[in-house]
Protein backbone atom coordinates (compact mmCIF):
# COMPACT_ATOMS: atom_id res chain seq x y z
CA UNK A 1 105.94 121.45 64.67
CA UNK A 2 109.74 122.47 63.87
CA UNK A 3 112.73 120.67 65.61
CA UNK A 4 112.64 123.69 68.05
CA UNK A 5 109.28 122.93 69.18
CA UNK A 6 109.74 119.43 69.77
CA UNK A 7 112.54 119.62 72.04
CA UNK A 8 110.68 122.36 73.86
CA UNK A 9 107.61 119.92 74.29
CA UNK A 10 109.95 117.09 75.52
CA UNK A 11 111.83 119.22 77.91
CA UNK A 12 108.37 120.30 79.40
CA UNK A 13 107.50 116.36 79.65
CA UNK A 14 110.89 115.79 81.38
CA UNK A 15 110.28 118.52 83.86
CA UNK A 16 107.05 117.50 84.74
CA UNK A 17 107.93 113.71 84.97
CA UNK A 18 110.79 114.89 87.21
CA UNK A 19 108.64 116.87 89.63
CA UNK A 20 105.95 114.05 89.69
CA UNK A 21 108.67 111.86 90.89
CA UNK A 22 109.41 114.35 93.54
CA UNK A 23 105.90 114.28 94.74
CA UNK A 24 106.11 110.40 95.09
CA UNK A 25 109.13 110.52 97.12
CA UNK A 26 107.42 112.86 99.40
CA UNK A 27 104.85 110.28 99.92
CA UNK A 28 101.91 111.72 98.26
CA UNK A 29 98.88 109.63 97.17
CA UNK A 30 96.50 110.13 94.48
CA UNK A 31 93.27 108.49 95.73
CA UNK A 32 89.73 109.93 94.69
CA UNK A 33 87.95 112.04 96.94
CA UNK A 34 86.36 115.00 97.41
CA UNK A 35 86.69 118.33 95.37
CA UNK A 36 89.12 120.89 97.17
CA UNK A 37 86.90 122.93 99.73
CA UNK A 38 87.73 125.13 102.71
CA UNK A 39 86.88 124.04 106.01
CA UNK A 40 83.63 124.95 107.38
CA UNK A 41 81.30 125.20 110.50
CA UNK A 42 77.53 124.81 111.40
CA UNK A 43 75.30 127.01 113.10
CA UNK A 44 73.10 125.68 116.26
CA UNK A 45 73.99 124.61 120.06
CA UNK A 46 77.59 123.19 120.47
CA UNK A 47 79.02 120.84 122.74
CA UNK A 48 82.81 120.19 123.48
CA UNK A 49 84.38 117.47 121.09
CA UNK A 50 86.43 115.02 122.36
CA UNK A 51 88.69 112.46 120.38
CA UNK A 52 90.13 108.96 121.53
CA UNK A 53 91.82 109.99 124.41
CA UNK A 54 91.77 113.60 124.00
CA UNK A 55 89.17 115.73 125.67
CA UNK A 56 87.68 119.04 124.82
CA UNK A 57 89.67 119.34 121.55
CA UNK A 58 87.39 121.85 120.46
CA UNK A 59 84.60 123.59 122.41
CA UNK A 60 82.47 126.81 122.46
CA UNK A 61 84.13 129.74 124.42
CA UNK A 62 83.95 133.64 124.94
CA UNK A 63 86.96 135.01 123.27
CA UNK A 64 86.96 138.61 123.08
CA UNK A 65 90.38 139.67 121.70
CA UNK A 66 92.50 139.76 118.42
CA UNK A 67 96.00 139.06 119.67
CA UNK A 68 97.82 138.83 116.50
CA UNK A 69 97.71 138.52 112.47
CA UNK A 70 95.10 135.46 111.44
CA UNK A 71 93.30 135.68 114.73
CA UNK A 72 89.99 137.74 115.96
CA UNK A 73 87.50 137.47 118.57
CA UNK A 74 85.32 134.82 116.22
CA UNK A 75 87.81 133.36 113.97
CA UNK A 76 91.15 131.86 113.13
CA UNK A 77 93.05 132.09 109.75
CA UNK A 78 94.80 128.95 109.08
CA UNK A 79 97.01 128.17 105.83
CA UNK A 80 97.21 124.88 104.22
CA UNK A 81 99.63 124.05 101.77
CA UNK A 82 99.17 121.61 98.78
CA UNK A 83 99.99 120.90 95.37
CA UNK A 84 96.42 119.87 94.71
CA UNK A 85 96.20 121.68 91.50
CA UNK A 86 98.94 119.58 89.94
CA UNK A 87 98.32 116.12 91.47
CA UNK A 88 94.61 116.29 92.09
CA UNK A 89 95.43 114.37 95.40
CA UNK A 90 92.65 115.41 97.68
CA UNK A 91 93.99 113.58 100.93
CA UNK A 92 95.19 117.05 102.72
CA UNK A 93 91.83 118.84 101.64
CA UNK A 94 89.58 116.27 102.63
CA UNK A 95 91.30 116.09 105.97
CA UNK A 96 91.24 119.48 106.81
CA UNK A 97 87.38 119.61 105.61
CA UNK A 98 86.62 116.67 107.96
CA UNK A 99 88.31 118.12 111.02
CA UNK A 100 87.38 121.70 110.78
CA UNK A 101 83.69 120.77 110.00
CA UNK A 102 83.88 118.90 113.03
CA UNK A 103 85.47 121.16 114.93
CA UNK A 104 83.63 124.24 114.37
CA UNK A 105 80.51 122.24 114.88
CA UNK A 106 81.85 121.48 118.26
CA UNK A 107 82.41 125.36 118.93
CA UNK A 108 85.58 125.87 117.30
CA UNK A 109 88.85 126.72 119.30
CA UNK A 110 87.25 128.44 122.62
CA UNK A 111 84.60 129.68 120.61
CA UNK A 112 86.61 130.62 117.62
CA UNK A 113 85.75 129.21 113.94
CA UNK A 114 88.60 127.66 111.91
CA UNK A 115 88.93 129.12 108.27
CA UNK A 116 90.91 127.22 105.80
CA UNK A 117 93.08 129.15 103.26
CA UNK A 118 94.01 126.45 100.67
CA UNK A 119 97.48 127.63 99.55
CA UNK A 120 97.31 125.73 96.09
CA UNK A 121 101.46 125.54 95.70
CA UNK A 122 100.57 123.76 92.23
CA UNK A 123 104.21 122.25 92.42
CA UNK A 124 106.36 125.46 91.15
CA UNK A 125 104.42 128.20 93.17
CA UNK A 126 105.65 127.56 96.88
CA UNK A 127 107.19 130.68 97.07
CA UNK A 128 104.04 132.75 96.10
CA UNK A 129 101.69 130.85 98.36
CA UNK A 130 104.12 131.33 101.26
CA UNK A 131 104.44 134.99 101.00
CA UNK A 132 100.39 135.18 100.87
CA UNK A 133 100.22 132.96 104.02
CA UNK A 134 102.78 135.14 105.51
CA UNK A 135 100.43 138.35 104.96
CA UNK A 136 97.13 136.63 106.30
CA UNK A 137 97.50 133.14 108.30
CA UNK A 138 98.01 132.76 112.01
CA UNK A 139 99.91 129.34 111.28
CA UNK A 140 100.14 126.53 108.67
CA UNK A 141 98.57 123.18 109.29
CA UNK A 142 97.96 119.85 107.65
CA UNK A 143 99.64 120.18 104.51
CA UNK A 144 102.62 119.85 102.33
CA UNK A 145 104.37 120.76 99.16
CA UNK A 146 106.92 118.72 97.18
CA UNK A 147 109.06 121.44 96.47
CA UNK A 148 108.68 122.87 100.18
CA UNK A 149 112.35 124.19 100.46
CA UNK A 150 111.35 126.98 98.00
CA UNK A 151 109.43 128.65 100.88
CA UNK A 152 111.02 128.28 104.17
CA UNK A 153 113.47 130.93 104.26
CA UNK A 154 110.07 133.42 103.66
CA UNK A 155 108.20 131.61 106.58
CA UNK A 156 111.02 131.85 108.99
CA UNK A 157 111.38 135.40 107.84
CA UNK A 158 107.68 136.23 108.94
CA UNK A 159 107.68 133.93 111.87
CA UNK A 160 105.06 131.49 110.72
CA UNK A 161 104.50 128.45 112.62
CA UNK A 162 104.35 124.87 110.57
CA UNK A 163 102.40 121.90 111.57
CA UNK A 164 102.93 119.99 108.52
CA UNK A 165 101.93 116.62 107.47
CA UNK A 166 105.16 115.60 105.91
CA UNK A 167 108.28 117.49 105.04
CA UNK A 168 110.35 116.96 101.71
CA UNK A 169 113.54 118.92 100.87
CA UNK A 170 116.49 119.32 103.17
CA UNK A 171 116.20 123.30 103.93
CA UNK A 172 112.61 122.56 105.32
CA UNK A 173 113.38 119.28 106.96
CA UNK A 174 113.76 120.31 110.68
CA UNK A 175 113.50 123.74 110.25
CA UNK A 176 112.85 126.16 112.90
CA UNK A 177 109.13 126.80 113.99
CA UNK A 178 108.28 123.61 112.57
CA UNK A 179 106.14 120.95 114.63
CA UNK A 180 105.32 117.59 112.61
CA UNK A 181 102.98 115.57 114.76
CA UNK A 182 104.86 112.72 113.91
CA UNK A 183 108.41 113.98 115.76
CA UNK A 184 110.74 116.45 114.44
CA UNK A 185 113.91 115.74 113.16
CA UNK A 186 117.00 118.09 113.53
CA UNK A 187 118.08 117.14 110.11
CA UNK A 188 118.06 114.62 107.48
CA UNK A 189 120.75 113.01 109.78
CA UNK A 190 118.56 109.42 110.56
CA UNK A 191 116.98 106.88 108.84
CA UNK A 192 113.50 106.74 110.68
CA UNK A 193 112.84 103.02 109.00
CA UNK A 194 115.79 101.75 110.80
CA UNK A 195 113.52 99.05 113.19
CA UNK A 196 111.37 98.16 110.24
CA UNK A 197 114.73 97.29 108.03
CA UNK A 198 116.17 95.20 111.32
CA UNK A 199 112.98 93.17 111.58
CA UNK A 200 112.70 92.38 107.76
CA UNK A 201 116.93 91.59 107.85
CA UNK A 202 117.32 89.97 110.84
CA UNK A 203 114.09 88.49 111.84
CA UNK A 204 111.59 87.82 109.03
CA UNK A 205 113.89 87.09 106.18
CA UNK A 206 117.50 86.89 107.44
CA UNK A 207 118.39 85.27 104.08
CA UNK A 208 117.68 88.19 102.27
CA UNK A 209 120.71 90.34 103.88
CA UNK A 210 123.00 89.15 100.89
CA UNK A 211 120.62 90.34 98.16
CA UNK A 212 119.36 93.69 98.40
CA UNK A 213 117.67 95.65 95.38
CA UNK A 214 117.28 99.31 94.96
CA UNK A 215 115.26 100.59 91.88
CA UNK A 216 114.75 104.61 92.27
CA UNK A 217 113.46 107.23 90.10
CA UNK A 218 116.06 109.31 87.96
CA UNK A 219 115.57 112.73 89.87
CA UNK A 220 117.93 114.56 92.31
CA UNK A 221 115.47 114.09 95.10
CA UNK A 222 114.56 110.43 95.24
CA UNK A 223 118.37 109.72 93.99
CA UNK A 224 119.62 111.35 97.24
CA UNK A 225 117.03 109.20 98.96
CA UNK A 226 118.59 106.41 97.27
CA UNK A 227 122.18 107.49 98.77
CA UNK A 228 120.88 107.33 101.84
CA UNK A 229 119.82 103.80 101.58
CA UNK A 230 123.15 102.43 100.06
CA UNK A 231 124.90 104.05 103.30
CA UNK A 232 122.25 102.68 105.74
CA UNK A 233 122.53 98.91 104.28
CA UNK A 234 126.27 99.16 104.01
CA UNK A 235 126.66 100.05 107.53
CA UNK A 236 124.15 97.37 108.40
CA UNK A 237 126.14 94.79 106.85
CA UNK A 238 123.47 93.80 103.96
CA UNK A 239 124.87 93.48 100.33
CA UNK A 240 123.16 95.24 97.72
CA UNK A 241 123.60 93.34 94.43
CA UNK A 242 121.23 95.81 92.43
CA UNK A 243 121.08 99.38 92.01
CA UNK A 244 119.39 100.65 89.21
CA UNK A 245 117.48 103.97 87.90
CA UNK A 246 114.46 104.33 85.68
CA UNK A 247 113.35 107.36 83.56
CA UNK A 248 111.55 109.72 85.48
CA UNK A 249 108.72 109.65 82.97
CA UNK A 250 108.20 105.96 83.47
CA UNK A 251 108.96 103.05 80.99
CA UNK A 252 106.52 101.07 78.57
CA UNK A 253 108.15 98.01 79.57
CA UNK A 254 109.37 96.70 83.04
CA UNK A 255 110.70 93.31 81.85
CA UNK A 256 114.22 94.62 81.39
CA UNK A 257 114.40 95.59 85.02
CA UNK A 258 112.72 92.68 86.19
CA UNK A 259 115.19 90.41 84.27
CA UNK A 260 117.93 92.31 85.94
CA UNK A 261 116.17 91.69 89.39
CA UNK A 262 116.21 87.88 88.74
CA UNK A 263 119.83 87.87 87.29
CA UNK A 264 121.26 89.47 90.20
CA UNK A 265 119.29 87.25 92.51
CA UNK A 266 117.75 90.01 94.46
CA UNK A 267 115.78 88.90 97.79
CA UNK A 268 114.51 92.34 98.99
CA UNK A 269 113.42 94.85 96.79
CA UNK A 270 113.14 98.84 97.43
CA UNK A 271 111.68 101.05 95.14
CA UNK A 272 111.36 104.54 95.30
CA UNK A 273 109.02 105.77 93.06
CA UNK A 274 105.52 105.83 91.76
CA UNK A 275 103.51 102.81 93.29
CA UNK A 276 101.65 102.24 90.15
CA UNK A 277 105.18 102.02 88.29
CA UNK A 278 105.97 99.25 91.20
CA UNK A 279 102.77 97.40 90.42
CA UNK A 280 103.29 97.05 86.81
CA UNK A 281 106.90 95.73 87.61
CA UNK A 282 105.50 93.21 90.05
CA UNK A 283 103.31 91.72 87.28
CA UNK A 284 106.54 91.42 85.01
CA UNK A 285 108.06 89.35 88.33
CA UNK A 286 105.29 87.03 88.68
CA UNK A 287 104.79 86.19 84.99
CA UNK A 288 108.21 84.96 85.54
CA UNK A 289 107.73 83.22 88.29
CA UNK A 290 110.00 85.36 90.25
CA UNK A 291 108.96 85.74 94.03
CA UNK A 292 111.20 87.94 95.90
CA UNK A 293 111.37 87.80 99.76
CA UNK A 294 109.88 91.12 100.27
CA UNK A 295 109.39 94.37 98.68
CA UNK A 296 109.05 97.56 100.58
CA UNK A 297 106.55 99.43 98.56
CA UNK A 298 106.65 101.98 101.39
CA UNK A 299 103.80 104.28 103.10
CA UNK A 300 102.90 106.02 99.81
CA UNK A 301 101.21 102.58 98.67
CA UNK A 302 99.06 102.12 101.89
CA UNK A 303 95.71 102.55 99.91
CA UNK A 304 93.40 100.89 97.89
CA UNK A 305 94.20 102.23 94.74
CA UNK A 306 97.69 99.99 94.90
CA UNK A 307 95.90 97.17 95.80
CA UNK A 308 93.89 97.52 92.72
CA UNK A 309 96.80 97.93 90.55
CA UNK A 310 98.75 94.87 91.90
CA UNK A 311 96.21 92.60 92.36
CA UNK A 312 97.36 89.90 90.23
CA UNK A 313 100.91 89.76 92.09
CA UNK A 314 99.16 90.26 95.74
CA UNK A 315 99.38 86.66 96.46
CA UNK A 316 102.89 86.18 94.89
CA UNK A 317 104.79 88.70 96.01
CA UNK A 318 105.27 90.02 99.64
CA UNK A 319 104.67 94.04 99.63
CA UNK A 320 105.24 95.62 102.95
CA UNK A 321 104.96 99.05 104.26
CA UNK A 322 106.10 100.77 107.42
CA UNK A 323 103.58 103.12 108.33
CA UNK A 324 105.93 104.45 111.06
CA UNK A 325 103.83 103.98 114.25
CA UNK A 326 100.46 105.36 112.91
CA UNK A 327 97.25 103.09 113.75
CA UNK A 328 96.46 101.26 110.96
CA UNK A 329 92.72 101.39 109.18
CA UNK A 330 92.14 97.90 109.63
CA UNK A 331 92.19 98.28 113.94
CA UNK A 332 89.07 100.22 114.14
CA UNK A 333 88.00 97.06 116.40
CA UNK A 334 90.56 97.50 119.22
CA UNK A 335 91.39 101.43 118.20
CA UNK A 336 88.48 103.80 118.83
CA UNK A 337 89.96 106.66 117.65
CA UNK A 338 90.51 104.74 113.93
CA UNK A 339 86.78 103.86 114.46
CA UNK A 340 85.83 107.50 115.43
CA UNK A 341 87.92 109.04 112.51
CA UNK A 342 86.04 106.63 110.05
CA UNK A 343 82.79 107.88 111.36
CA UNK A 344 83.58 111.24 110.98
CA UNK A 345 84.89 110.85 107.47
CA UNK A 346 81.52 109.36 106.59
CA UNK A 347 79.67 112.26 108.16
CA UNK A 348 81.83 115.45 106.47
CA UNK A 349 83.23 113.63 103.77
CA UNK A 350 81.44 110.82 102.28
CA UNK A 351 83.13 108.88 99.56
CA UNK A 352 86.66 110.40 100.41
CA UNK A 353 89.49 107.56 100.90
CA UNK A 354 91.55 107.64 104.24
CA UNK A 355 94.98 107.22 103.45
CA UNK A 356 98.00 107.22 105.13
CA UNK A 357 98.72 110.89 104.44
CA UNK A 358 94.81 111.50 105.63
CA UNK A 359 95.78 109.70 108.81
CA UNK A 360 98.94 111.84 109.00
CA UNK A 361 97.10 115.12 108.43
CA UNK A 362 94.24 114.39 111.22
CA UNK A 363 96.81 114.03 113.71
CA UNK A 364 98.44 117.12 112.65
CA UNK A 365 95.40 119.06 113.31
CA UNK A 366 94.63 117.67 116.40
CA UNK A 367 97.86 118.75 117.60
CA UNK A 368 97.39 122.26 116.29
CA UNK A 369 93.67 122.32 118.09
CA UNK A 370 94.83 121.08 121.39
CA UNK A 371 97.76 123.38 121.56
CA UNK A 372 95.49 126.40 120.51
CA UNK A 373 92.88 125.32 122.90
CA UNK A 374 95.41 125.63 125.59
CA UNK A 375 96.30 129.13 125.06
CA UNK A 376 92.67 130.41 125.80
CA UNK A 377 91.98 134.02 124.85
CA UNK A 378 95.61 135.14 124.25
CA UNK A 379 95.91 132.77 121.15
CA UNK A 380 99.31 133.74 119.91
CA UNK A 381 101.76 131.73 117.38
CA UNK A 382 104.52 131.83 120.47
CA UNK A 383 101.81 130.14 122.75
CA UNK A 384 100.57 127.58 120.21
CA UNK A 385 103.80 126.70 119.38
CA UNK A 386 105.50 126.38 122.48
CA UNK A 387 102.72 124.25 123.86
CA UNK A 388 103.06 122.06 120.86
CA UNK A 389 106.51 121.16 121.64
CA UNK A 390 105.62 120.33 125.29
CA UNK A 391 103.89 117.30 124.24
CA UNK A 392 106.08 114.72 125.77
CA UNK A 393 104.05 111.43 124.61
CA UNK A 394 101.61 112.85 122.17
CA UNK A 395 99.66 110.28 120.55
CA UNK A 396 96.80 112.33 118.91
CA UNK A 397 94.47 110.36 120.73
CA UNK A 398 95.25 107.33 120.02
CA UNK A 399 95.91 107.69 116.17
CA UNK A 400 99.80 106.95 116.74
CA UNK A 401 102.12 105.81 118.89
CA UNK A 402 103.77 107.77 121.45
CA UNK A 403 106.19 110.59 120.55
CA UNK A 404 108.10 113.22 122.44
CA UNK A 405 107.75 116.37 120.62
CA UNK A 406 110.14 118.13 122.73
CA UNK A 407 113.06 116.05 121.61
CA UNK A 408 114.17 115.83 117.84
CA UNK A 409 113.95 112.32 116.07
CA UNK A 410 117.74 111.56 116.46
CA UNK A 411 117.39 112.03 120.38
CA UNK A 412 114.86 109.36 121.04
CA UNK A 413 113.85 105.64 120.32
CA UNK A 414 110.84 105.15 117.97
CA UNK A 415 108.20 102.79 116.99
CA UNK A 416 107.58 101.02 114.15
CA UNK A 417 104.43 99.03 112.62
CA UNK A 418 104.21 97.02 109.33
CA UNK A 419 101.37 96.50 107.23
CA UNK A 420 101.30 93.45 104.48
CA UNK A 421 99.39 93.84 101.25
CA UNK A 422 97.12 90.92 100.68
CA UNK A 423 94.07 89.82 98.22
CA UNK A 424 91.96 90.66 101.22
CA UNK A 425 93.57 94.04 101.88
CA UNK A 426 96.28 95.87 103.82
CA UNK A 427 96.45 93.88 106.99
CA UNK A 428 98.92 93.92 110.15
CA UNK A 429 102.29 91.76 109.43
CA UNK A 430 103.86 89.39 112.27
CA UNK A 431 106.24 92.03 113.36
CA UNK A 432 106.10 91.33 116.83
CA UNK A 433 104.62 94.34 118.58
CA UNK A 434 105.67 95.00 122.11
CA UNK A 435 103.42 98.05 122.90
CA UNK A 436 99.69 97.18 121.69
CA UNK A 437 99.89 97.35 117.73
CA UNK A 438 103.53 99.03 117.84
CA UNK A 439 106.87 97.66 117.99
CA UNK A 440 108.83 100.72 120.11
CA UNK A 441 112.43 100.71 121.14
CA UNK A 442 114.46 101.19 118.01
CA UNK A 443 116.96 103.88 117.47
CA UNK A 444 117.40 105.44 114.25
CA UNK A 445 120.58 104.94 112.37
CA UNK A 446 122.71 108.32 112.01
CA UNK A 447 123.78 108.63 108.57
CA UNK A 448 127.72 109.86 108.64
CA UNK A 449 127.55 111.38 105.03
CA UNK A 450 126.80 115.43 104.99
CA UNK A 451 122.87 115.50 103.33
CA UNK A 452 122.53 118.75 104.14
CA UNK A 453 121.04 120.77 106.91
CA UNK A 454 117.89 122.74 107.37
CA UNK A 455 117.10 126.31 107.58
CA UNK A 456 117.23 128.12 111.14
CA UNK A 457 115.98 131.38 112.17
CA UNK A 458 119.32 132.29 112.84
CA UNK A 459 119.89 132.07 108.91
CA UNK A 460 117.34 134.99 108.67
CA UNK A 461 118.70 137.20 111.10
CA UNK A 462 115.99 136.33 113.53
CA UNK A 463 115.68 133.96 117.21
CA UNK A 464 113.12 132.71 119.03
CA UNK A 465 112.93 135.92 121.06
CA UNK A 466 111.53 137.54 118.11
CA UNK A 467 108.36 134.98 117.83
CA UNK A 468 105.59 136.69 119.62
């Protein structure tokens, strides 16, 4: 191979690694599970399906009309975005399969069967899939794409509502016609982990305030996340003693980073990147007999794969994850919704892992189904969107802490809950919950810097009056 060819290969590797870091920043796991499939139903008599505290989520009916694109008397065409072709991460696909199989078996949405159109964005194909969705789908539900900003303008142009599991890029975060089940942010103007960090620094480990460390993948997306963390901790009065980047392709030896963490006397570490890299870093720290007060592994690591990867360090390092008001998997004995979810996964996707992303996806499907069911035979985009944003105490049947979907994130107090990685698995940390298994009442910190704004209908020459 000539030198030009070598440079081309190296460039391609860097681009792939860069995008992989972007996926990690979006909170994508890569646990094992079933192969991508479309949601399906079953024949035979159906009875209304309840879930947790929600009654009649899915049920038979006598729909007769075809009021809008993607809706007939018998079917609803729902798009689901995923980078599954690149990541091989089946979390969203598994959740869609479980929900739609269960829902369709119960009669669907007032008798209409849900058909899932998997829009595999394969990282760089967001706009192509969005244009397809604009031509065929009723709404988007239960998915995400790392480079979601590439499709938001087209989505708004075709007035396509979105019920996403997560949002990533600034143009899409809090964009119009978007209803995340975990609460909409008017922009990336607040830190949703404020309560979690206040607990870590003021209560759990107050001695760590003057020893904060940040380590981040060297990509534009994750670096922007790091910039926000710097502003937050400075405003909080904490001292950042270590702030470093690692190559997006990873490193073969994490020893220099571990040595720097120790040399700077880091007490609390925030790691933004692939949790497998974090596990390798922790192995080095543990071998050096250096124990931090805490490590923020983030919700991306809330899975069995991280526990397996970091098993040699779980007894030595305190790994925490704020799962942001989502009921944890170890709460099945006290949370009927979690027990029900595990049963449904066992029936419709046996062997599939339930991850944080899977939990969030199922919450989103429930929100869509409840909203759509309220529309009866006249199932339109306007009806389902407006029904969703009228939910003022949404809990997804008990899968999450109450959230007011009629208000943006920045205008309401929030809840958090903390899980700790232990040799026995992920377990609730001693974070002093005040509302069942959650701690509620914190107000998210508002950033003072301008990190960009989401797109609106006005940006494409439309308004809410155009939504039919």
